[in-house]
């Protein structure tokens, strides 16, 4: 049976992008808080908005999944 159903909500893309960020590319106030870590990982939406920062890749992926996003690596 092929019946069309109008969902009461819109399906949004739940993909986020995880990429390494050079320590030197961060604003000074963030660099002071991170105490010299060379790389951290940023989680971005599809339009490039930075949603979060994480200390390592595994934490970035876990953070995304905890918030019901599907993380993808970007190099």
Protein backbone atom coordinates (compact mmCIF):
# COMPACT_ATOMS: atom_id res chain seq x y z
CA UNK A 1 0.00 0.00 0.00
CA UNK A 2 1.44 3.37 -1.02
CA UNK A 3 -0.02 6.11 1.18
CA UNK A 4 1.40 9.60 1.48
CA UNK A 5 1.83 10.87 5.04
CA UNK A 6 2.46 14.49 5.96
CA UNK A 7 4.70 14.47 9.01
CA UNK A 8 3.89 17.22 11.54
CA UNK A 9 7.59 18.12 11.70
CA UNK A 10 10.35 18.78 9.23
CA UNK A 11 13.30 16.41 8.83
CA UNK A 12 16.47 18.47 9.20
CA UNK A 13 19.90 17.35 8.13
CA UNK A 14 21.58 16.05 11.27
CA UNK A 15 25.07 15.82 9.76
CA UNK A 16 27.88 17.78 11.40
CA UNK A 17 31.48 18.07 10.32
CA UNK A 18 34.47 17.46 12.59
CA UNK A 19 37.84 18.91 11.68
CA UNK A 20 41.12 19.65 13.42
CA UNK A 21 41.84 23.27 14.29
CA UNK A 22 45.36 24.61 14.71
CA UNK A 23 45.96 26.06 18.16
CA UNK A 24 47.42 29.21 16.60
CA UNK A 25 44.20 29.82 14.61
CA UNK A 26 42.10 30.22 17.76
CA UNK A 27 41.32 33.55 19.42
CA UNK A 28 43.71 34.50 22.21
CA UNK A 29 41.15 34.03 25.01
CA UNK A 30 40.60 30.41 23.93
CA UNK A 31 44.34 29.73 23.61
CA UNK A 32 44.79 30.86 27.24
CA UNK A 33 42.13 28.40 28.40
CA UNK A 34 43.58 25.47 26.44
CA UNK A 35 47.09 25.75 27.89
CA UNK A 36 49.10 25.09 24.74
CA UNK A 37 47.36 22.12 23.14
CA UNK A 38 48.51 21.93 19.53
CA UNK A 39 45.24 20.71 18.00
CA UNK A 40 41.66 20.70 19.04
CA UNK A 41 38.63 19.63 17.03
CA UNK A 42 35.76 21.80 15.88
CA UNK A 43 32.24 20.62 15.17
CA UNK A 44 30.58 22.58 12.37
CA UNK A 45 27.07 22.67 10.92
CA UNK A 46 26.54 22.21 7.19
CA UNK A 47 26.65 25.98 6.67
CA UNK A 48 30.07 26.23 8.39
CA UNK A 49 28.91 27.59 11.74
CA UNK A 50 31.17 26.39 14.56
CA UNK A 51 28.95 24.61 17.06
CA UNK A 52 31.50 23.32 19.55
CA UNK A 53 35.15 22.64 20.27
CA UNK A 54 36.50 19.39 21.70
CA UNK A 55 39.91 18.39 23.05
CA UNK A 56 40.22 15.36 20.75
CA UNK A 57 38.51 13.68 17.82
CA UNK A 58 36.86 10.92 19.87
CA UNK A 59 35.30 13.46 22.22
CA UNK A 60 34.07 15.53 19.25
CA UNK A 61 32.37 12.48 17.73
CA UNK A 62 30.87 11.44 21.08
CA UNK A 63 29.62 14.98 21.69
CA UNK A 64 27.95 15.08 18.27
CA UNK A 65 26.30 11.68 18.72
CA UNK A 66 25.13 12.54 22.24
CA UNK A 67 23.28 15.48 20.69
CA UNK A 68 21.74 13.26 18.00
CA UNK A 69 23.98 14.44 15.17
CA UNK A 70 25.85 12.24 12.69
CA UNK A 71 29.52 13.33 12.66
CA UNK A 72 31.68 13.20 9.55
CA UNK A 73 35.42 13.89 9.39
CA UNK A 74 36.65 16.76 7.26
CA UNK A 75 40.33 17.19 6.44
